Amino acid sequence: MTSAEPSTPFAARPGTGWRWILAYGVLVVVIGFLALLNPLATGLATGLFLAAVLIVYGVAALISAVSSLAQRGRWVELVLGLLALAAGILIAFAPYLGALSLVWATGFWLFVSGVVQIGCAIRVKADRGWRLLLGIVDLLLGLILLFAGPLPGLAILALMVGISFLFRGAFLITLALGIRRILREGT
């Protein structure tokens, strides 16, 4: 590398890459706001995404089951593929139920995680306060998700998705502006 070449990894296409990242970040922020503003649409989109993933997985598992590569796991792949395909098709016709199943699965996971954290805090002295606090928070959040009705459950799902997208978009925008700054300093 000569002293005339910029020392940044973005020197190959100066001035273009950061714009795409910025546009992507802005799009992600807009999606985050839309998720927060319309929980029903977020639930629908989440359910349809889950349906698509299950259908693709089901088809791939069925292909694997009939291939010569799946001699030992043929029946397992066949059963899992049929189950995933059936679940995906059912969720495609009732996407809100698919979204609610994610809400309830998350609630169950948080509840079990809270119980485990509280049990660990009782038995182990190290980090007892933090573990107890985390366990109580997880336990309460899990119970809220498990016993929330369908609309509050979808609203909670939309809140989680919206907040995640807002933070992800903010990160991408910050990254793009940082790259732009580096490129300008290098020229």
N, C-alpha and C. Protein backbone atom coordinates (compact mmCIF):
# COMPACT_ATOMS: atom_id res chain seq x y z
N MET A 1 0.86 -1.18 0.00
CA MET A 1 0.00 0.00 0.00
C MET A 1 0.90 1.23 0.00
N THR A 2 0.64 2.14 -0.89
CA THR A 2 1.42 3.37 -0.94
C THR A 2 0.77 4.41 -0.05
N SER A 3 1.50 5.46 0.22
CA SER A 3 0.97 6.50 1.10
C SER A 3 -0.18 7.27 0.46
N ALA A 4 -0.35 7.18 -0.87
CA ALA A 4 -1.43 7.89 -1.54
C ALA A 4 -2.76 7.15 -1.44
N GLU A 5 -2.72 5.83 -1.13
CA GLU A 5 -3.97 5.07 -1.04
C GLU A 5 -4.64 5.28 0.31
N PRO A 6 -5.94 5.41 0.32
CA PRO A 6 -6.64 5.53 1.59
C PRO A 6 -6.48 4.24 2.41
N SER A 7 -6.42 4.38 3.72
CA SER A 7 -6.18 3.23 4.59
C SER A 7 -7.47 2.66 5.18
N THR A 8 -8.60 2.92 4.54
CA THR A 8 -9.85 2.39 5.05
C THR A 8 -10.29 1.21 4.22
N PRO A 9 -11.03 0.27 4.82
CA PRO A 9 -11.51 -0.87 4.04
C PRO A 9 -12.62 -0.49 3.06
N PHE A 10 -13.10 0.72 3.12
CA PHE A 10 -14.21 1.17 2.27
C PHE A 10 -13.70 1.93 1.04
N ALA A 11 -12.40 1.86 0.80
CA ALA A 11 -11.81 2.66 -0.27
C ALA A 11 -12.12 2.11 -1.66
N ALA A 12 -12.60 0.85 -1.75
CA ALA A 12 -12.84 0.27 -3.07
C ALA A 12 -13.91 1.03 -3.85
N ARG A 13 -14.96 1.44 -3.18
CA ARG A 13 -16.03 2.21 -3.83
C ARG A 13 -16.37 3.40 -2.95
N PRO A 14 -15.51 4.39 -2.93
CA PRO A 14 -15.76 5.51 -2.01
C PRO A 14 -17.06 6.23 -2.34
N GLY A 15 -17.79 6.52 -1.30
CA GLY A 15 -18.97 7.35 -1.45
C GLY A 15 -20.26 6.62 -1.81
N THR A 16 -20.22 5.29 -2.02
CA THR A 16 -21.45 4.61 -2.41
C THR A 16 -21.99 3.69 -1.32
N GLY A 17 -21.16 2.90 -0.70
CA GLY A 17 -21.61 1.89 0.24
C GLY A 17 -22.39 2.43 1.43
N TRP A 18 -21.96 3.55 1.96
CA TRP A 18 -22.63 4.09 3.14
C TRP A 18 -24.05 4.51 2.84
N ARG A 19 -24.31 4.93 1.60
CA ARG A 19 -25.68 5.36 1.24
C ARG A 19 -26.66 4.18 1.29
N TRP A 20 -26.21 3.02 0.83
CA TRP A 20 -27.07 1.83 0.88
C TRP A 20 -27.35 1.43 2.32
N ILE A 21 -26.34 1.49 3.15
CA ILE A 21 -26.52 1.15 4.57
C ILE A 21 -27.46 2.16 5.22
N LEU A 22 -27.30 3.43 4.89
CA LEU A 22 -28.18 4.47 5.44
C LEU A 22 -29.63 4.23 5.00
N ALA A 23 -29.82 3.94 3.72
CA ALA A 23 -31.18 3.68 3.21
C ALA A 23 -31.78 2.45 3.90
N TYR A 24 -30.98 1.42 4.08
CA TYR A 24 -31.44 0.22 4.77
C TYR A 24 -31.82 0.55 6.21
N GLY A 25 -30.99 1.33 6.89
CA GLY A 25 -31.28 1.73 8.27
C GLY A 25 -32.57 2.52 8.37
N VAL A 26 -32.78 3.44 7.47
CA VAL A 26 -34.01 4.25 7.48
C VAL A 26 -35.22 3.34 7.23
N LEU A 27 -35.10 2.41 6.28
CA LEU A 27 -36.18 1.47 6.01
C LEU A 27 -36.51 0.62 7.25
N VAL A 28 -35.50 0.17 7.95
CA VAL A 28 -35.70 -0.65 9.15
C VAL A 28 -36.38 0.18 10.24
N VAL A 29 -36.00 1.44 10.39
CA VAL A 29 -36.66 2.32 11.37
C VAL A 29 -38.13 2.51 11.01
N VAL A 30 -38.41 2.73 9.73
CA VAL A 30 -39.81 2.90 9.29
C VAL A 30 -40.61 1.63 9.60
N ILE A 31 -40.03 0.46 9.31
CA ILE A 31 -40.72 -0.80 9.62
C ILE A 31 -40.95 -0.92 11.12
N GLY A 32 -39.97 -0.50 11.91
CA GLY A 32 -40.13 -0.53 13.37
C GLY A 32 -41.29 0.33 13.83
N PHE A 33 -41.39 1.54 13.28
CA PHE A 33 -42.50 2.42 13.64
C PHE A 33 -43.84 1.82 13.19
N LEU A 34 -43.86 1.25 12.00
CA LEU A 34 -45.10 0.62 11.52
C LEU A 34 -45.51 -0.55 12.41
N ALA A 35 -44.53 -1.31 12.87
CA ALA A 35 -44.83 -2.43 13.77
C ALA A 35 -45.44 -1.93 15.07
N LEU A 36 -44.92 -0.81 15.57
CA LEU A 36 -45.45 -0.25 16.81
C LEU A 36 -46.84 0.36 16.61
N LEU A 37 -47.06 0.95 15.44
CA LEU A 37 -48.33 1.62 15.19
C LEU A 37 -49.47 0.66 14.84
N ASN A 38 -49.14 -0.50 14.30
CA ASN A 38 -50.19 -1.43 13.86
C ASN A 38 -49.87 -2.85 14.32
N PRO A 39 -50.20 -3.17 15.57
CA PRO A 39 -49.88 -4.50 16.09
C PRO A 39 -50.56 -5.64 15.33
N LEU A 40 -51.74 -5.40 14.79
CA LEU A 40 -52.42 -6.46 14.04
C LEU A 40 -51.66 -6.81 12.76
N ALA A 41 -51.19 -5.79 12.06
CA ALA A 41 -50.41 -6.04 10.85
C ALA A 41 -49.11 -6.75 11.18
N THR A 42 -48.50 -6.38 12.30
CA THR A 42 -47.27 -7.04 12.74
C THR A 42 -47.53 -8.50 13.06
N GLY A 43 -48.65 -8.78 13.74
CA GLY A 43 -49.01 -10.16 14.03
C GLY A 43 -49.26 -10.96 12.76
N LEU A 44 -49.93 -10.34 11.81
CA LEU A 44 -50.19 -10.99 10.53
C LEU A 44 -48.88 -11.30 9.81
N ALA A 45 -47.99 -10.32 9.74
CA ALA A 45 -46.71 -10.52 9.06
C ALA A 45 -45.88 -11.59 9.77
N THR A 46 -45.87 -11.58 11.09
CA THR A 46 -45.12 -12.58 11.85
C THR A 46 -45.69 -13.97 11.60
N GLY A 47 -47.00 -14.07 11.62
CA GLY A 47 -47.62 -15.37 11.35
C GLY A 47 -47.33 -15.88 9.95
N LEU A 48 -47.41 -15.00 8.96
CA LEU A 48 -47.11 -15.40 7.58
C LEU A 48 -45.65 -15.79 7.41
N PHE A 49 -44.75 -15.08 8.09
CA PHE A 49 -43.33 -15.42 8.03
C PHE A 49 -43.11 -16.80 8.64
N LEU A 50 -43.71 -17.06 9.80
CA LEU A 50 -43.59 -18.36 10.44
C LEU A 50 -44.13 -19.45 9.52
N ALA A 51 -45.26 -19.20 8.87
CA ALA A 51 -45.83 -20.18 7.94
C ALA A 51 -44.87 -20.48 6.80
N ALA A 52 -44.28 -19.44 6.23
CA ALA A 52 -43.34 -19.63 5.12
C ALA A 52 -42.12 -20.43 5.56
N VAL A 53 -41.59 -20.12 6.73
CA VAL A 53 -40.41 -20.84 7.23
C VAL A 53 -40.75 -22.31 7.43
N LEU A 54 -41.90 -22.60 8.02
CA LEU A 54 -42.30 -23.99 8.26
C LEU A 54 -42.53 -24.74 6.95
N ILE A 55 -43.13 -24.09 5.97
CA ILE A 55 -43.38 -24.75 4.69
C ILE A 55 -42.05 -25.05 3.99
N VAL A 56 -41.14 -24.10 3.97
CA VAL A 56 -39.83 -24.33 3.34
C VAL A 56 -39.08 -25.45 4.07
N TYR A 57 -39.11 -25.42 5.41
CA TYR A 57 -38.46 -26.47 6.17
C TYR A 57 -39.12 -27.83 5.88
N GLY A 58 -40.44 -27.87 5.84
CA GLY A 58 -41.15 -29.11 5.57
C GLY A 58 -40.78 -29.70 4.23
N VAL A 59 -40.75 -28.88 3.21
CA VAL A 59 -40.38 -29.35 1.87
C VAL A 59 -38.93 -29.85 1.87
N ALA A 60 -38.03 -29.10 2.50
CA ALA A 60 -36.62 -29.52 2.56
C ALA A 60 -36.47 -30.84 3.31
N ALA A 61 -37.21 -31.01 4.40
CA ALA A 61 -37.14 -32.26 5.17
C ALA A 61 -37.68 -33.42 4.36
N LEU A 62 -38.76 -33.20 3.61
CA LEU A 62 -39.32 -34.27 2.78
C LEU A 62 -38.35 -34.65 1.66
N ILE A 63 -37.71 -33.67 1.06
CA ILE A 63 -36.70 -33.95 0.03
C ILE A 63 -35.56 -34.74 0.65
N SER A 64 -35.14 -34.36 1.83
CA SER A 64 -34.07 -35.08 2.52
C SER A 64 -34.50 -36.51 2.83
N ALA A 65 -35.76 -36.71 3.21
CA ALA A 65 -36.25 -38.04 3.56
C ALA A 65 -36.23 -39.00 2.37
N VAL A 66 -36.47 -38.48 1.18
CA VAL A 66 -36.49 -39.36 0.01
C VAL A 66 -35.14 -39.42 -0.70
N SER A 67 -34.17 -38.65 -0.25
CA SER A 67 -32.86 -38.68 -0.89
C SER A 67 -32.05 -39.86 -0.37
N SER A 68 -31.02 -40.19 -1.09
CA SER A 68 -30.16 -41.31 -0.67
C SER A 68 -29.29 -40.93 0.52
N LEU A 69 -29.20 -39.64 0.83
CA LEU A 69 -28.37 -39.20 1.94
C LEU A 69 -29.03 -39.43 3.30
N ALA A 70 -30.32 -39.70 3.30
CA ALA A 70 -31.05 -39.77 4.57
C ALA A 70 -31.41 -41.20 4.95
N GLN A 71 -30.49 -42.15 4.81
CA GLN A 71 -30.81 -43.55 5.10
C GLN A 71 -31.21 -43.77 6.56
N ARG A 72 -30.40 -43.26 7.50
CA ARG A 72 -30.70 -43.51 8.91
C ARG A 72 -31.86 -42.67 9.42
N GLY A 73 -31.93 -41.42 9.04
CA GLY A 73 -32.95 -40.53 9.58
C GLY A 73 -34.15 -40.36 8.68
N ARG A 74 -34.35 -41.29 7.77
CA ARG A 74 -35.41 -41.15 6.77
C ARG A 74 -36.78 -40.95 7.41
N TRP A 75 -37.15 -41.79 8.36
CA TRP A 75 -38.48 -41.69 8.96
C TRP A 75 -38.62 -40.45 9.82
N VAL A 76 -37.57 -40.10 10.51
CA VAL A 76 -37.62 -38.89 11.34
C VAL A 76 -37.82 -37.67 10.45
N GLU A 77 -37.05 -37.60 9.37
CA GLU A 77 -37.17 -36.46 8.45
C GLU A 77 -38.54 -36.44 7.79
N LEU A 78 -39.05 -37.61 7.45
CA LEU A 78 -40.37 -37.69 6.83
C LEU A 78 -41.45 -37.18 7.78
N VAL A 79 -41.43 -37.63 9.03
CA VAL A 79 -42.43 -37.19 10.02
C VAL A 79 -42.28 -35.70 10.31
N LEU A 80 -41.04 -35.24 10.54
CA LEU A 80 -40.83 -33.82 10.83
C LEU A 80 -41.22 -32.95 9.64
N GLY A 81 -40.91 -33.42 8.45
CA GLY A 81 -41.29 -32.66 7.26
C GLY A 81 -42.79 -32.55 7.09
N LEU A 82 -43.49 -33.65 7.30
CA LEU A 82 -44.95 -33.62 7.20
C LEU A 82 -45.57 -32.74 8.28
N LEU A 83 -45.04 -32.83 9.50
CA LEU A 83 -45.55 -31.98 10.59
C LEU A 83 -45.32 -30.50 10.29
N ALA A 84 -44.11 -30.17 9.86
CA ALA A 84 -43.79 -28.76 9.56
C ALA A 84 -44.64 -28.26 8.41
N LEU A 85 -44.80 -29.07 7.39
CA LEU A 85 -45.61 -28.67 6.24
C LEU A 85 -47.07 -28.46 6.66
N ALA A 86 -47.60 -29.37 7.44
CA ALA A 86 -48.98 -29.23 7.92
C ALA A 86 -49.13 -27.98 8.79
N ALA A 87 -48.20 -27.77 9.71
CA ALA A 87 -48.26 -26.60 10.58
C ALA A 87 -48.14 -25.32 9.76
N GLY A 88 -47.23 -25.31 8.78
CA GLY A 88 -47.06 -24.14 7.94
C GLY A 88 -48.31 -23.81 7.15
N ILE A 89 -48.94 -24.83 6.61
CA ILE A 89 -50.17 -24.59 5.84
C ILE A 89 -51.28 -24.10 6.76
N LEU A 90 -51.42 -24.71 7.94
CA LEU A 90 -52.44 -24.26 8.89
C LEU A 90 -52.21 -22.81 9.31
N ILE A 91 -50.97 -22.47 9.59
CA ILE A 91 -50.66 -21.10 10.02
C ILE A 91 -50.88 -20.13 8.87
N ALA A 92 -50.62 -20.56 7.62
CA ALA A 92 -50.87 -19.68 6.47
C ALA A 92 -52.34 -19.30 6.38
N PHE A 93 -53.22 -20.21 6.79
CA PHE A 93 -54.65 -19.92 6.76
C PHE A 93 -55.13 -19.21 8.03
N ALA A 94 -54.33 -19.25 9.08
CA ALA A 94 -54.68 -18.56 10.34
C ALA A 94 -53.40 -17.94 10.92
N PRO A 95 -52.85 -16.92 10.25
CA PRO A 95 -51.55 -16.38 10.64
C PRO A 95 -51.52 -15.78 12.05
N TYR A 96 -52.65 -15.28 12.53
CA TYR A 96 -52.65 -14.71 13.88
C TYR A 96 -52.41 -15.79 14.93
N LEU A 97 -52.90 -16.99 14.67
CA LEU A 97 -52.63 -18.09 15.60
C LEU A 97 -51.15 -18.43 15.62
N GLY A 98 -50.51 -18.34 14.46
CA GLY A 98 -49.06 -18.57 14.41
C GLY A 98 -48.31 -17.54 15.22
N ALA A 99 -48.73 -16.28 15.08
CA ALA A 99 -48.08 -15.21 15.85
C ALA A 99 -48.32 -15.42 17.34
N LEU A 100 -49.54 -15.79 17.70
CA LEU A 100 -49.84 -16.03 19.12
C LEU A 100 -49.06 -17.21 19.67
N SER A 101 -48.82 -18.22 18.84
CA SER A 101 -48.03 -19.35 19.32
C SER A 101 -46.61 -18.91 19.66
N LEU A 102 -46.07 -17.97 18.89
CA LEU A 102 -44.75 -17.42 19.22
C LEU A 102 -44.78 -16.65 20.53
N VAL A 103 -45.85 -15.90 20.74
CA VAL A 103 -46.01 -15.15 21.99
C VAL A 103 -46.06 -16.11 23.17
N TRP A 104 -46.85 -17.16 23.04
CA TRP A 104 -46.99 -18.12 24.14
C TRP A 104 -45.70 -18.92 24.35
N ALA A 105 -45.01 -19.28 23.26
CA ALA A 105 -43.75 -20.00 23.40
C ALA A 105 -42.71 -19.12 24.10
N THR A 106 -42.67 -17.84 23.75
CA THR A 106 -41.76 -16.91 24.42
C THR A 106 -42.13 -16.77 25.89
N GLY A 107 -43.43 -16.69 26.18
CA GLY A 107 -43.88 -16.61 27.56
C GLY A 107 -43.49 -17.83 28.36
N PHE A 108 -43.64 -19.01 27.78
CA PHE A 108 -43.26 -20.25 28.46
C PHE A 108 -41.76 -20.27 28.73
N TRP A 109 -40.97 -19.88 27.70
CA TRP A 109 -39.52 -19.86 27.87
C TRP A 109 -39.12 -18.88 28.98
N LEU A 110 -39.70 -17.70 29.00
CA LEU A 110 -39.37 -16.73 30.05
C LEU A 110 -39.78 -17.24 31.42
N PHE A 111 -40.92 -17.87 31.52
CA PHE A 111 -41.38 -18.42 32.80
C PHE A 111 -40.40 -19.48 33.32
N VAL A 112 -40.03 -20.42 32.46
CA VAL A 112 -39.09 -21.48 32.86
C VAL A 112 -37.73 -20.88 33.19
N SER A 113 -37.29 -19.92 32.39
CA SER A 113 -36.01 -19.24 32.66
C SER A 113 -36.04 -18.55 34.01
N GLY A 114 -37.15 -17.91 34.34
CA GLY A 114 -37.28 -17.24 35.63
C GLY A 114 -37.21 -18.22 36.78
N VAL A 115 -37.89 -19.35 36.65
CA VAL A 115 -37.87 -20.37 37.71
C VAL A 115 -36.44 -20.89 37.90
N VAL A 116 -35.74 -21.15 36.80
CA VAL A 116 -34.36 -21.64 36.88
C VAL A 116 -33.46 -20.59 37.54
N GLN A 117 -33.59 -19.33 37.14
CA GLN A 117 -32.76 -18.26 37.72
C GLN A 117 -33.02 -18.12 39.22
N ILE A 118 -34.29 -18.18 39.62
CA ILE A 118 -34.62 -18.06 41.04
C ILE A 118 -34.06 -19.26 41.81
N GLY A 119 -34.20 -20.45 41.25
CA GLY A 119 -33.63 -21.65 41.88
C GLY A 119 -32.13 -21.55 42.03
N CYS A 120 -31.47 -21.02 41.01
CA CYS A 120 -30.01 -20.84 41.06
C CYS A 120 -29.64 -19.80 42.11
N ALA A 121 -30.42 -18.73 42.20
CA ALA A 121 -30.13 -17.68 43.19
C ALA A 121 -30.27 -18.21 44.61
N ILE A 122 -31.20 -19.13 44.81
CA ILE A 122 -31.40 -19.70 46.14
C ILE A 122 -30.23 -20.61 46.52
N ARG A 123 -29.69 -21.36 45.55
CA ARG A 123 -28.63 -22.33 45.84
C ARG A 123 -27.23 -21.74 45.80
N VAL A 124 -26.98 -20.74 44.98
CA VAL A 124 -25.63 -20.22 44.78
C VAL A 124 -25.54 -18.79 45.31
N LYS A 125 -24.47 -18.51 46.05
CA LYS A 125 -24.32 -17.18 46.63
C LYS A 125 -23.81 -16.15 45.62
N ALA A 126 -23.00 -16.59 44.66
CA ALA A 126 -22.42 -15.67 43.70
C ALA A 126 -23.53 -15.03 42.85
N ASP A 127 -23.52 -13.74 42.76
CA ASP A 127 -24.48 -12.98 41.95
C ASP A 127 -25.93 -13.25 42.35
N ARG A 128 -26.17 -13.56 43.61
CA ARG A 128 -27.50 -13.91 44.07
C ARG A 128 -28.52 -12.81 43.78
N GLY A 129 -28.16 -11.57 44.07
CA GLY A 129 -29.10 -10.46 43.87
C GLY A 129 -29.49 -10.30 42.41
N TRP A 130 -28.49 -10.33 41.52
CA TRP A 130 -28.77 -10.17 40.10
C TRP A 130 -29.59 -11.34 39.56
N ARG A 131 -29.20 -12.55 39.96
CA ARG A 131 -29.93 -13.73 39.49
C ARG A 131 -31.38 -13.71 39.98
N LEU A 132 -31.58 -13.31 41.21
CA LEU A 132 -32.92 -13.24 41.76
C LEU A 132 -33.75 -12.19 41.01
N LEU A 133 -33.15 -11.03 40.78
CA LEU A 133 -33.84 -9.97 40.04
C LEU A 133 -34.19 -10.43 38.63
N LEU A 134 -33.21 -11.01 37.92
CA LEU A 134 -33.47 -11.48 36.56
C LEU A 134 -34.53 -12.58 36.57
N GLY A 135 -34.47 -13.46 37.56
CA GLY A 135 -35.46 -14.52 37.64
C GLY A 135 -36.86 -13.99 37.86
N ILE A 136 -37.00 -13.01 38.73
CA ILE A 136 -38.31 -12.43 39.00
C ILE A 136 -38.83 -11.70 37.76
N VAL A 137 -37.96 -10.94 37.09
CA VAL A 137 -38.37 -10.22 35.88
C VAL A 137 -38.81 -11.21 34.80
N ASP A 138 -37.99 -12.26 34.55
CA ASP A 138 -38.36 -13.25 33.54
C ASP A 138 -39.66 -13.95 33.90
N LEU A 139 -39.81 -14.30 35.17
CA LEU A 139 -41.02 -14.99 35.62
C LEU A 139 -42.26 -14.12 35.39
N LEU A 140 -42.17 -12.86 35.75
CA LEU A 140 -43.31 -11.94 35.58
C LEU A 140 -43.62 -11.71 34.10
N LEU A 141 -42.59 -11.47 33.30
CA LEU A 141 -42.81 -11.28 31.86
C LEU A 141 -43.41 -12.53 31.23
N GLY A 142 -42.91 -13.68 31.63
CA GLY A 142 -43.45 -14.93 31.12
C GLY A 142 -44.92 -15.10 31.45
N LEU A 143 -45.28 -14.81 32.71
CA LEU A 143 -46.68 -14.91 33.11
C LEU A 143 -47.56 -13.93 32.34
N ILE A 144 -47.05 -12.72 32.13
CA ILE A 144 -47.81 -11.73 31.36
C ILE A 144 -48.08 -12.26 29.95
N LEU A 145 -47.04 -12.79 29.30
CA LEU A 145 -47.22 -13.30 27.94
C LEU A 145 -48.13 -14.53 27.91
N LEU A 146 -47.99 -15.40 28.91
CA LEU A 146 -48.80 -16.62 28.92
C LEU A 146 -50.28 -16.34 29.15
N PHE A 147 -50.58 -15.35 29.98
CA PHE A 147 -51.97 -15.10 30.33
C PHE A 147 -52.58 -13.88 29.66
N ALA A 148 -51.81 -13.24 28.77
CA ALA A 148 -52.36 -12.12 28.01
C ALA A 148 -53.37 -12.67 27.01
N GLY A 149 -54.38 -11.93 26.75
CA GLY A 149 -55.35 -12.32 25.73
C GLY A 149 -54.74 -12.19 24.35
N PRO A 150 -55.48 -12.56 23.31
CA PRO A 150 -54.95 -12.50 21.95
C PRO A 150 -54.50 -11.11 21.52
N LEU A 151 -55.31 -10.10 21.75
CA LEU A 151 -54.92 -8.75 21.31
C LEU A 151 -53.76 -8.19 22.12
N PRO A 152 -53.78 -8.29 23.45
CA PRO A 152 -52.59 -7.84 24.19
C PRO A 152 -51.33 -8.63 23.82
N GLY A 153 -51.50 -9.93 23.55
CA GLY A 153 -50.34 -10.74 23.14
C GLY A 153 -49.74 -10.25 21.84
N LEU A 154 -50.61 -9.94 20.87
CA LEU A 154 -50.12 -9.41 19.59
C LEU A 154 -49.50 -8.03 19.78
N ALA A 155 -50.07 -7.23 20.68
CA ALA A 155 -49.51 -5.90 20.95
C ALA A 155 -48.11 -6.03 21.56
N ILE A 156 -47.94 -7.00 22.45
CA ILE A 156 -46.62 -7.22 23.06
C ILE A 156 -45.64 -7.69 22.00
N LEU A 157 -46.08 -8.60 21.12
CA LEU A 157 -45.22 -9.06 20.03
C LEU A 157 -44.82 -7.88 19.14
N ALA A 158 -45.79 -7.02 18.80
CA ALA A 158 -45.50 -5.85 17.96
C ALA A 158 -44.54 -4.92 18.67
N LEU A 159 -44.69 -4.75 19.97
CA LEU A 159 -43.79 -3.90 20.74
C LEU A 159 -42.36 -4.44 20.68
N MET A 160 -42.22 -5.76 20.88
CA MET A 160 -40.88 -6.37 20.83
C MET A 160 -40.25 -6.21 19.45
N VAL A 161 -41.03 -6.53 18.41
CA VAL A 161 -40.51 -6.43 17.04
C VAL A 161 -40.20 -4.98 16.69
N GLY A 162 -41.10 -4.07 17.04
CA GLY A 162 -40.90 -2.65 16.74
C GLY A 162 -39.66 -2.09 17.41
N ILE A 163 -39.50 -2.37 18.69
CA ILE A 163 -38.32 -1.87 19.42
C ILE A 163 -37.05 -2.47 18.83
N SER A 164 -37.06 -3.76 18.53
CA SER A 164 -35.89 -4.39 17.93
C SER A 164 -35.52 -3.71 16.61
N PHE A 165 -36.51 -3.47 15.76
CA PHE A 165 -36.24 -2.84 14.47
C PHE A 165 -35.76 -1.40 14.65
N LEU A 166 -36.33 -0.67 15.61
CA LEU A 166 -35.88 0.71 15.83
C LEU A 166 -34.41 0.74 16.24
N PHE A 167 -34.01 -0.14 17.16
CA PHE A 167 -32.62 -0.17 17.58
C PHE A 167 -31.71 -0.62 16.45
N ARG A 168 -32.13 -1.63 15.70
CA ARG A 168 -31.34 -2.12 14.57
C ARG A 168 -31.18 -1.02 13.52
N GLY A 169 -32.26 -0.31 13.22
CA GLY A 169 -32.19 0.78 12.25
C GLY A 169 -31.29 1.91 12.72
N ALA A 170 -31.40 2.26 14.01
CA ALA A 170 -30.53 3.30 14.57
C ALA A 170 -29.06 2.89 14.45
N PHE A 171 -28.77 1.62 14.72
CA PHE A 171 -27.40 1.13 14.57
C PHE A 171 -26.93 1.27 13.13
N LEU A 172 -27.76 0.86 12.17
CA LEU A 172 -27.37 0.93 10.76
C LEU A 172 -27.15 2.37 10.30
N ILE A 173 -28.00 3.27 10.75
CA ILE A 173 -27.84 4.69 10.40
C ILE A 173 -26.54 5.23 10.97
N THR A 174 -26.27 4.90 12.23
CA THR A 174 -25.02 5.34 12.87
C THR A 174 -23.82 4.76 12.14
N LEU A 175 -23.90 3.48 11.76
CA LEU A 175 -22.82 2.84 11.01
C LEU A 175 -22.59 3.55 9.68
N ALA A 176 -23.67 3.83 8.96
CA ALA A 176 -23.54 4.49 7.65
C ALA A 176 -22.90 5.86 7.78
N LEU A 177 -23.33 6.62 8.77
CA LEU A 177 -22.76 7.96 8.96
C LEU A 177 -21.30 7.88 9.40
N GLY A 178 -20.96 6.86 10.16
CA GLY A 178 -19.56 6.66 10.55
C GLY A 178 -18.69 6.32 9.35
N ILE A 179 -19.20 5.47 8.47
CA ILE A 179 -18.47 5.12 7.26
C ILE A 179 -18.29 6.36 6.38
N ARG A 180 -19.34 7.16 6.27
CA ARG A 180 -19.23 8.39 5.48
C ARG A 180 -18.16 9.32 6.05
N ARG A 181 -18.13 9.44 7.35
CA ARG A 181 -17.13 10.29 8.00
C ARG A 181 -15.72 9.77 7.72
N ILE A 182 -15.54 8.44 7.83
CA ILE A 182 -14.22 7.86 7.56
C ILE A 182 -13.80 8.10 6.13
N LEU A 183 -14.73 7.91 5.20
CA LEU A 183 -14.43 8.13 3.79
C LEU A 183 -14.06 9.59 3.50
N ARG A 184 -14.76 10.50 4.13
CA ARG A 184 -14.46 11.94 3.91
C ARG A 184 -13.10 12.31 4.50
N GLU A 185 -12.77 11.71 5.63
CA GLU A 185 -11.46 12.01 6.24
C GLU A 185 -10.33 11.43 5.43
N GLY A 186 -10.61 10.31 4.72
CA GLY A 186 -9.58 9.65 3.93
C GLY A 186 -9.29 10.34 2.61
N THR A 187 -10.17 11.24 2.18
CA THR A 187 -9.95 11.89 0.87
C THR A 187 -9.30 13.22 1.02
